[in-house]
Amino acid sequence: MAQEAQEAGPRIAAKERGPGPGRYFLPSTVGFSKHDATKKMEPAYSFGRRVPQKAMKDSPGPAYAVDPRMTRYGKDGTPRYSLFTRQQYQHSFQTPSPGTYNPQQVHPQGERTAPRYSMGFRTRFRKCDQNPSPSNYILPAVLGPSQPNKTSAASYSLIGRSSVGCYLEDLSKTPGPGHTQKVHPDVYMHKAPHYSLGSKSYMPEDNVQKPGPGAHHPENVRINRPAAPSYSLGIRHTEFTCPLILQD
């Protein structure tokens, strides 16, 4: 009865493991191409195209464009004119016009005139002159002891003091009292204890975590006492559940 009641409910389409309706490609019952052989096919008519009629005349007809100015005697003698641009004359002679000259600005010949100067560019012919400039020579200095053509005063230099023949000269070559190192007193006397500050050390022990006194709940243990049956509500697992897909 439980199985019949379960089948009476809505059926899940995913449980049907057989092929669906679109699995098979049945022949069509419409049309002429690939028609179902088990069905009656009505006559099919096709629309053809009109057969072109053969032209009775093969002449081109009035396709030639005859010039209307042509006669049976040739071209007519009517004059024809066209508009063109003005002809460009060759400028072979550039003669000045009457207003080009200014004779009033010319000083009369034979009369004295004051000199007039103009500021022009520097001539290019001076580039070939290889004479050095005044600041091109480096004259020797007049200070110091090494002058080839000047009288120099006496010059003295400061150097370090020599120990040869001085009272600081060590003639015996023996070491002094501070030449040897002093022996530390801890070598030949009682050495005091020395203490250092190091890191804290731990004794070797088991590192496994063990439960404490409050980790157990003995009051919840009812295996040794009679108890009423208890049921839990779980979830139904099915392979036909669709996953939740969200758009990111």
C-alpha atoms as a PDB file:
ATOM      1  CA  MET A   1       0.000   0.000   0.000  1.00  0.00           C
ATOM      2  CA  ALA A   2       2.862   2.371   0.827  1.00  0.00           C
ATOM      3  CA  GLN A   3       4.386   1.770  -2.591  1.00  0.00           C
ATOM      4  CA  GLU A   4       1.067   2.395  -4.355  1.00  0.00           C
ATOM      5  CA  ALA A   5       0.559   5.608  -2.368  1.00  0.00           C
ATOM      6  CA  GLN A   6       4.036   6.779  -3.292  1.00  0.00           C
ATOM      7  CA  GLU A   7       3.460   6.147  -7.012  1.00  0.00           C
ATOM      8  CA  ALA A   8       0.141   7.985  -6.903  1.00  0.00           C
ATOM      9  CA  GLY A   9       1.959  11.298  -6.294  1.00  0.00           C
ATOM     10  CA  PRO A  10       3.618  13.503  -8.925  1.00  0.00           C
ATOM     11  CA  ARG A  11       6.307  11.680 -10.847  1.00  0.00           C
ATOM     12  CA  ILE A  12       9.749  13.132 -11.389  1.00  0.00           C
ATOM     13  CA  ALA A  13      10.636  13.416 -15.051  1.00  0.00           C
ATOM     14  CA  ALA A  14      14.301  12.769 -14.344  1.00  0.00           C
ATOM     15  CA  LYS A  15      13.476   9.245 -13.175  1.00  0.00           C
ATOM     16  CA  GLU A  16      12.515   8.283 -16.693  1.00  0.00           C
ATOM     17  CA  ARG A  17      15.713   6.821 -18.050  1.00  0.00           C
ATOM     18  CA  GLY A  18      14.325   6.084 -21.494  1.00  0.00           C
ATOM     19  CA  PRO A  19      14.725   8.365 -24.529  1.00  0.00           C
ATOM     20  CA  GLY A  20      12.514  11.428 -24.791  1.00  0.00           C
ATOM     21  CA  PRO A  21      10.027  12.329 -27.505  1.00  0.00           C
ATOM     22  CA  GLY A  22      12.670  14.087 -29.573  1.00  0.00           C
ATOM     23  CA  ARG A  23      14.994  11.119 -29.611  1.00  0.00           C
ATOM     24  CA  TYR A  24      13.466   9.516 -32.689  1.00  0.00           C
ATOM     25  CA  PHE A  25      13.241  11.275 -36.021  1.00  0.00           C
ATOM     26  CA  LEU A  26      10.058  10.015 -37.664  1.00  0.00           C
ATOM     27  CA  PRO A  27       9.584  10.639 -41.378  1.00  0.00           C
ATOM     28  CA  SER A  28       7.465  13.622 -42.234  1.00  0.00           C
ATOM     29  CA  THR A  29       3.919  13.296 -43.563  1.00  0.00           C
ATOM     30  CA  VAL A  30       4.027  16.706 -45.219  1.00  0.00           C
ATOM     31  CA  GLY A  31       5.670  17.468 -48.505  1.00  0.00           C
ATOM     32  CA  PHE A  32       7.192  15.334 -51.198  1.00  0.00           C
ATOM     33  CA  SER A  33      10.789  14.854 -50.054  1.00  0.00           C
ATOM     34  CA  LYS A  34      11.320  12.034 -47.495  1.00  0.00           C
ATOM     35  CA  HIS A  35       7.634  11.371 -47.085  1.00  0.00           C
ATOM     36  CA  ASP A  36       6.425   8.638 -44.727  1.00  0.00           C
ATOM     37  CA  ALA A  37       6.090   5.441 -46.726  1.00  0.00           C
ATOM     38  CA  THR A  38       3.297   4.137 -44.505  1.00  0.00           C
ATOM     39  CA  LYS A  39       1.086   7.156 -45.146  1.00  0.00           C
ATOM     40  CA  LYS A  40      -0.822   8.132 -48.239  1.00  0.00           C
ATOM     41  CA  MET A  41       0.830  10.916 -50.182  1.00  0.00           C
ATOM     42  CA  GLU A  42      -1.281  13.312 -52.186  1.00  0.00           C
ATOM     43  CA  PRO A  43      -0.124  14.451 -55.604  1.00  0.00           C
ATOM     44  CA  ALA A  44       2.331  17.304 -55.482  1.00  0.00           C
ATOM     45  CA  TYR A  45       2.511  19.928 -58.193  1.00  0.00           C
ATOM     46  CA  SER A  46       5.378  22.264 -58.835  1.00  0.00           C
ATOM     47  CA  PHE A  47       5.420  25.720 -60.364  1.00  0.00           C
ATOM     48  CA  GLY A  48       7.797  25.862 -63.276  1.00  0.00           C
ATOM     49  CA  ARG A  49       9.205  28.939 -64.947  1.00  0.00           C
ATOM     50  CA  ARG A  50       8.178  30.541 -68.166  1.00  0.00           C
ATOM     51  CA  VAL A  51      10.191  29.459 -71.153  1.00  0.00           C
ATOM     52  CA  PRO A  52      11.602  32.529 -72.890  1.00  0.00           C
ATOM     53  CA  GLN A  53      10.322  32.991 -76.420  1.00  0.00           C
ATOM     54  CA  LYS A  54      12.802  33.238 -79.205  1.00  0.00           C
ATOM     55  CA  ALA A  55      13.155  36.734 -80.538  1.00  0.00           C
ATOM     56  CA  MET A  56      11.868  37.059 -84.050  1.00  0.00           C
ATOM     57  CA  LYS A  57      14.070  40.080 -84.871  1.00  0.00           C
ATOM     58  CA  ASP A  58      17.733  40.307 -84.065  1.00  0.00           C
ATOM     59  CA  SER A  59      18.238  43.895 -85.182  1.00  0.00           C
ATOM     60  CA  PRO A  60      19.502  46.353 -82.537  1.00  0.00           C
ATOM     61  CA  GLY A  61      16.707  48.819 -83.187  1.00  0.00           C
ATOM     62  CA  PRO A  62      17.132  52.574 -82.651  1.00  0.00           C
ATOM     63  CA  ALA A  63      20.319  52.096 -80.655  1.00  0.00           C
ATOM     64  CA  TYR A  64      22.581  54.384 -82.711  1.00  0.00           C
ATOM     65  CA  ALA A  65      22.839  58.027 -81.654  1.00  0.00           C
ATOM     66  CA  VAL A  66      23.269  59.959 -84.907  1.00  0.00           C
ATOM     67  CA  ASP A  67      24.601  63.483 -84.516  1.00  0.00           C
ATOM     68  CA  PRO A  68      21.825  65.889 -85.534  1.00  0.00           C
ATOM     69  CA  ARG A  69      24.418  68.193 -87.138  1.00  0.00           C
ATOM     70  CA  MET A  70      25.320  65.524 -89.616  1.00  0.00           C
ATOM     71  CA  THR A  71      23.674  65.647 -92.995  1.00  0.00           C
ATOM     72  CA  ARG A  72      23.949  63.469 -96.024  1.00  0.00           C
ATOM     73  CA  TYR A  73      26.574  65.868 -97.317  1.00  0.00           C
ATOM     74  CA  GLY A  74      28.598  65.837 -94.085  1.00  0.00           C
ATOM     75  CA  LYS A  75      28.735  68.294 -91.196  1.00  0.00           C
ATOM     76  CA  ASP A  76      26.774  71.466 -91.517  1.00  0.00           C
ATOM     77  CA  GLY A  77      28.697  74.730 -91.774  1.00  0.00           C
ATOM     78  CA  THR A  78      27.181  76.448 -88.741  1.00  0.00           C
ATOM     79  CA  PRO A  79      29.905  78.246 -86.729  1.00  0.00           C
ATOM     80  CA  ARG A  80      30.384  77.068 -83.134  1.00  0.00           C
ATOM     81  CA  TYR A  81      32.039  79.073 -80.388  1.00  0.00           C
ATOM     82  CA  SER A  82      33.399  78.029 -76.968  1.00  0.00           C
ATOM     83  CA  LEU A  83      34.450  80.007 -73.855  1.00  0.00           C
ATOM     84  CA  PHE A  84      38.044  79.464 -72.705  1.00  0.00           C
ATOM     85  CA  THR A  85      40.314  81.141 -70.176  1.00  0.00           C
ATOM     86  CA  ARG A  86      42.508  84.073 -71.116  1.00  0.00           C
ATOM     87  CA  GLN A  87      45.692  83.066 -72.834  1.00  0.00           C
ATOM     88  CA  GLN A  88      48.827  83.177 -70.723  1.00  0.00           C
ATOM     89  CA  TYR A  89      51.500  85.292 -72.410  1.00  0.00           C
ATOM     90  CA  GLN A  90      55.097  84.315 -72.011  1.00  0.00           C
ATOM     91  CA  HIS A  91      56.884  86.756 -69.713  1.00  0.00           C
ATOM     92  CA  SER A  92      60.170  86.822 -71.546  1.00  0.00           C
ATOM     93  CA  PHE A  93      60.877  90.513 -70.908  1.00  0.00           C
ATOM     94  CA  GLN A  94      60.270  91.906 -67.427  1.00  0.00           C
ATOM     95  CA  THR A  95      60.538  95.566 -68.277  1.00  0.00           C
ATOM     96  CA  PRO A  96      59.830  97.973 -65.393  1.00  0.00           C
ATOM     97  CA  SER A  97      56.848 100.232 -65.442  1.00  0.00           C
ATOM     98  CA  PRO A  98      57.127 104.061 -65.437  1.00  0.00           C
ATOM     99  CA  GLY A  99      56.523 104.292 -61.658  1.00  0.00           C
ATOM    100  CA  THR A 100      59.252 101.845 -60.681  1.00  0.00           C
ATOM    101  CA  TYR A 101      62.101 104.378 -60.563  1.00  0.00           C
ATOM    102  CA  ASN A 102      62.407 107.154 -57.958  1.00  0.00           C
ATOM    103  CA  PRO A 103      64.729 109.745 -59.533  1.00  0.00           C
ATOM    104  CA  GLN A 104      63.937 112.287 -56.817  1.00  0.00           C
ATOM    105  CA  GLN A 105      65.863 110.201 -54.270  1.00  0.00           C
ATOM    106  CA  VAL A 106      69.069 110.227 -56.320  1.00  0.00           C
ATOM    107  CA  HIS A 107      71.624 112.835 -55.219  1.00  0.00           C
ATOM    108  CA  PRO A 108      72.675 115.189 -57.997  1.00  0.00           C
ATOM    109  CA  GLN A 109      75.943 114.169 -59.551  1.00  0.00           C
ATOM    110  CA  GLY A 110      78.927 116.415 -59.017  1.00  0.00           C
ATOM    111  CA  GLU A 111      77.796 117.679 -55.592  1.00  0.00           C
ATOM    112  CA  ARG A 112      79.411 116.807 -52.263  1.00  0.00           C
ATOM    113  CA  THR A 113      77.528 114.470 -49.929  1.00  0.00           C
ATOM    114  CA  ALA A 114      78.106 113.342 -46.348  1.00  0.00           C
ATOM    115  CA  PRO A 115      79.314 109.772 -45.877  1.00  0.00           C
ATOM    116  CA  ARG A 116      76.691 107.226 -44.938  1.00  0.00           C
ATOM    117  CA  TYR A 117      77.435 103.968 -43.174  1.00  0.00           C
ATOM    118  CA  SER A 118      75.397 100.830 -42.822  1.00  0.00           C
ATOM    119  CA  MET A 119      75.600  97.927 -40.350  1.00  0.00           C
ATOM    120  CA  GLY A 120      76.227  94.796 -42.365  1.00  0.00           C
ATOM    121  CA  PHE A 121      77.166  91.223 -41.632  1.00  0.00           C
ATOM    122  CA  ARG A 122      80.659  90.174 -40.642  1.00  0.00           C
ATOM    123  CA  THR A 123      82.731  89.215 -43.618  1.00  0.00           C
ATOM    124  CA  ARG A 124      83.392  85.547 -44.188  1.00  0.00           C
ATOM    125  CA  PHE A 125      86.977  86.030 -45.324  1.00  0.00           C
ATOM    126  CA  ARG A 126      88.290  86.402 -41.751  1.00  0.00           C
ATOM    127  CA  LYS A 127      87.704  82.704 -41.115  1.00  0.00           C
ATOM    128  CA  CYS A 128      90.882  81.912 -42.998  1.00  0.00           C
ATOM    129  CA  ASP A 129      92.976  84.003 -40.594  1.00  0.00           C
ATOM    130  CA  GLN A 130      94.718  81.562 -38.178  1.00  0.00           C
ATOM    131  CA  ASN A 131      96.208  84.186 -35.866  1.00  0.00           C
ATOM    132  CA  PRO A 132      95.498  83.378 -32.194  1.00  0.00           C
ATOM    133  CA  SER A 133      93.469  85.721 -30.039  1.00  0.00           C
ATOM    134  CA  PRO A 134      95.011  87.730 -27.154  1.00  0.00           C
ATOM    135  CA  SER A 135      93.719  85.300 -24.502  1.00  0.00           C
ATOM    136  CA  ASN A 136      95.000  82.219 -26.280  1.00  0.00           C
ATOM    137  CA  TYR A 137      98.444  82.319 -24.639  1.00  0.00           C
ATOM    138  CA  ILE A 138      99.087  80.969 -21.111  1.00  0.00           C
ATOM    139  CA  LEU A 139     101.882  82.937 -19.481  1.00  0.00           C
ATOM    140  CA  PRO A 140     103.871  81.329 -16.662  1.00  0.00           C
ATOM    141  CA  ALA A 141     103.014  82.359 -13.115  1.00  0.00           C
ATOM    142  CA  VAL A 142     105.219  84.805 -11.203  1.00  0.00           C
ATOM    143  CA  LEU A 143     104.650  83.119  -7.804  1.00  0.00           C
ATOM    144  CA  GLY A 144     106.565  80.105  -6.557  1.00  0.00           C
ATOM    145  CA  PRO A 145     110.178  78.841  -6.585  1.00  0.00           C
ATOM    146  CA  SER A 146     110.262  77.548 -10.167  1.00  0.00           C
ATOM    147  CA  GLN A 147     110.328  80.651 -12.355  1.00  0.00           C
ATOM    148  CA  PRO A 148     112.490  80.529 -15.485  1.00  0.00           C
ATOM    149  CA  ASN A 149     112.977  84.275 -15.942  1.00  0.00           C
ATOM    150  CA  LYS A 150     112.069  85.806 -12.549  1.00  0.00           C
ATOM    151  CA  THR A 151     113.961  86.106  -9.298  1.00  0.00           C
ATOM    152  CA  SER A 152     112.201  84.077  -6.617  1.00  0.00           C
ATOM    153  CA  ALA A 153     112.437  84.526  -2.848  1.00  0.00           C
ATOM    154  CA  ALA A 154     113.349  81.689  -0.527  1.00  0.00           C
ATOM    155  CA  SER A 155     110.533  79.236   0.106  1.00  0.00           C
ATOM    156  CA  TYR A 156     110.331  76.907   3.059  1.00  0.00           C
ATOM    157  CA  SER A 157     108.290  73.752   3.582  1.00  0.00           C
ATOM    158  CA  LEU A 158     106.963  72.157   6.801  1.00  0.00           C
ATOM    159  CA  ILE A 159     107.707  68.430   7.221  1.00  0.00           C
ATOM    160  CA  GLY A 160     107.474  65.981  10.114  1.00  0.00           C
ATOM    161  CA  ARG A 161     110.060  65.787  12.935  1.00  0.00           C
ATOM    162  CA  SER A 162     112.718  63.118  12.491  1.00  0.00           C
ATOM    163  CA  SER A 163     113.523  60.749  15.380  1.00  0.00           C
ATOM    164  CA  VAL A 164     117.098  60.194  14.274  1.00  0.00           C
ATOM    165  CA  GLY A 165     119.465  61.961  16.692  1.00  0.00           C
ATOM    166  CA  CYS A 166     116.543  63.119  18.841  1.00  0.00           C
ATOM    167  CA  TYR A 167     116.011  62.400  22.483  1.00  0.00           C
ATOM    168  CA  LEU A 168     113.046  60.268  21.485  1.00  0.00           C
ATOM    169  CA  GLU A 169     115.251  57.864  19.537  1.00  0.00           C
ATOM    170  CA  ASP A 170     115.205  54.366  21.071  1.00  0.00           C
ATOM    171  CA  LEU A 171     118.783  53.220  21.013  1.00  0.00           C
ATOM    172  CA  SER A 172     118.320  50.097  23.201  1.00  0.00           C
ATOM    173  CA  LYS A 173     115.320  48.730  21.270  1.00  0.00           C
ATOM    174  CA  THR A 174     113.845  47.234  24.472  1.00  0.00           C
ATOM    175  CA  PRO A 175     110.099  47.092  25.157  1.00  0.00           C
ATOM    176  CA  GLY A 176     108.635  49.423  27.742  1.00  0.00           C
ATOM    177  CA  PRO A 177     106.403  48.637  30.735  1.00  0.00           C
ATOM    178  CA  GLY A 178     103.193  48.937  28.720  1.00  0.00           C
ATOM    179  CA  HIS A 179     104.341  46.842  25.806  1.00  0.00           C
ATOM    180  CA  THR A 180     103.271  43.480  27.252  1.00  0.00           C
ATOM    181  CA  GLN A 181      99.666  42.599  28.049  1.00  0.00           C
ATOM    182  CA  LYS A 182      98.563  42.363  31.677  1.00  0.00           C
ATOM    183  CA  VAL A 183      97.312  38.982  32.881  1.00  0.00           C
ATOM    184  CA  HIS A 184      93.719  39.003  34.053  1.00  0.00           C
ATOM    185  CA  PRO A 185      93.349  38.365  37.831  1.00  0.00           C
ATOM    186  CA  ASP A 186      90.869  35.547  37.189  1.00  0.00           C
ATOM    187  CA  VAL A 187      93.738  33.481  35.820  1.00  0.00           C
ATOM    188  CA  TYR A 188      95.787  33.257  38.995  1.00  0.00           C
ATOM    189  CA  MET A 189      93.115  34.144  41.615  1.00  0.00           C
ATOM    190  CA  HIS A 190      89.714  32.753  42.624  1.00  0.00           C
ATOM    191  CA  LYS A 191      87.203  33.532  39.882  1.00  0.00           C
ATOM    192  CA  ALA A 192      83.827  34.892  40.921  1.00  0.00           C
ATOM    193  CA  PRO A 193      80.671  33.285  39.479  1.00  0.00           C
ATOM    194  CA  HIS A 194      79.197  34.801  36.320  1.00  0.00           C
ATOM    195  CA  TYR A 195      75.497  34.773  35.519  1.00  0.00           C
ATOM    196  CA  SER A 196      73.782  35.298  32.194  1.00  0.00           C
ATOM    197  CA  LEU A 197      70.174  35.967  31.233  1.00  0.00           C
ATOM    198  CA  GLY A 198      68.965  33.262  28.869  1.00  0.00           C
ATOM    199  CA  SER A 199      65.638  32.142  27.512  1.00  0.00           C
ATOM    200  CA  LYS A 200      63.167  30.170  29.604  1.00  0.00           C
ATOM    201  CA  SER A 201      63.551  26.417  29.284  1.00  0.00           C
ATOM    202  CA  TYR A 202      60.790  23.858  29.546  1.00  0.00           C
ATOM    203  CA  MET A 203      60.948  20.301  30.703  1.00  0.00           C
ATOM    204  CA  PRO A 204      60.235  17.638  28.064  1.00  0.00           C
ATOM    205  CA  GLU A 205      56.627  16.560  28.304  1.00  0.00           C
ATOM    206  CA  ASP A 206      53.761  15.170  26.240  1.00  0.00           C
ATOM    207  CA  ASN A 207      52.272  17.822  23.908  1.00  0.00           C
ATOM    208  CA  VAL A 208      49.033  15.935  23.276  1.00  0.00           C
ATOM    209  CA  GLN A 209      46.006  18.028  24.271  1.00  0.00           C
ATOM    210  CA  LYS A 210      44.046  16.301  27.007  1.00  0.00           C
ATOM    211  CA  PRO A 211      40.513  17.174  28.068  1.00  0.00           C
ATOM    212  CA  GLY A 212      40.035  19.031  31.312  1.00  0.00           C
ATOM    213  CA  PRO A 213      37.564  18.344  34.144  1.00  0.00           C
ATOM    214  CA  GLY A 214      34.784  20.361  32.508  1.00  0.00           C
ATOM    215  CA  ALA A 215      35.125  18.813  29.065  1.00  0.00           C
ATOM    216  CA  HIS A 216      32.801  15.895  29.816  1.00  0.00           C
ATOM    217  CA  HIS A 217      29.039  16.150  30.478  1.00  0.00           C
ATOM    218  CA  PRO A 218      28.052  13.076  32.495  1.00  0.00           C
ATOM    219  CA  GLU A 219      24.580  14.490  33.186  1.00  0.00           C
ATOM    220  CA  ASN A 220      23.666  14.011  29.530  1.00  0.00           C
ATOM    221  CA  VAL A 221      24.472  10.294  29.546  1.00  0.00           C
ATOM    222  CA  ARG A 222      21.225   8.286  29.625  1.00  0.00           C
ATOM    223  CA  ILE A 223      22.425   4.948  28.344  1.00  0.00           C
ATOM    224  CA  ASN A 224      22.121   3.405  31.766  1.00  0.00           C
ATOM    225  CA  ARG A 225      18.587   4.754  32.375  1.00  0.00           C
ATOM    226  CA  PRO A 226      15.260   4.004  30.709  1.00  0.00           C
ATOM    227  CA  ALA A 227      14.199   6.760  28.304  1.00  0.00           C
ATOM    228  CA  ALA A 228      11.357   7.417  25.858  1.00  0.00           C
ATOM    229  CA  PRO A 229      12.076   7.066  22.129  1.00  0.00           C
ATOM    230  CA  SER A 230      13.348  10.258  20.495  1.00  0.00           C
ATOM    231  CA  TYR A 231      13.143  11.104  16.810  1.00  0.00           C
ATOM    232  CA  SER A 232      15.079  13.610  14.761  1.00  0.00           C
ATOM    233  CA  LEU A 233      13.999  15.502  11.660  1.00  0.00           C
ATOM    234  CA  GLY A 234      16.560  15.115   8.916  1.00  0.00           C
ATOM    235  CA  ILE A 235      16.694  16.290   5.321  1.00  0.00           C
ATOM    236  CA  ARG A 236      15.619  14.380   2.255  1.00  0.00           C
ATOM    237  CA  HIS A 237      18.448  13.631  -0.125  1.00  0.00           C
ATOM    238  CA  THR A 238      17.572  13.095  -3.752  1.00  0.00           C
ATOM    239  CA  GLU A 239      19.703  13.048  -6.879  1.00  0.00           C
ATOM    240  CA  PHE A 240      17.095  15.047  -8.782  1.00  0.00           C
ATOM    241  CA  THR A 241      17.456  18.222  -6.727  1.00  0.00           C
ATOM    242  CA  CYS A 242      18.527  21.138  -8.913  1.00  0.00           C
ATOM    243  CA  PRO A 243      21.495  23.117  -7.580  1.00  0.00           C
ATOM    244  CA  LEU A 244      21.036  26.796  -6.746  1.00  0.00           C
ATOM    245  CA  ILE A 245      22.879  28.871  -9.362  1.00  0.00           C
ATOM    246  CA  LEU A 246      23.277  32.572  -8.677  1.00  0.00           C
ATOM    247  CA  GLN A 247      24.639  35.155 -11.055  1.00  0.00           C
ATOM    248  CA  ASP A 248      27.780  36.866  -9.789  1.00  0.00           C
END
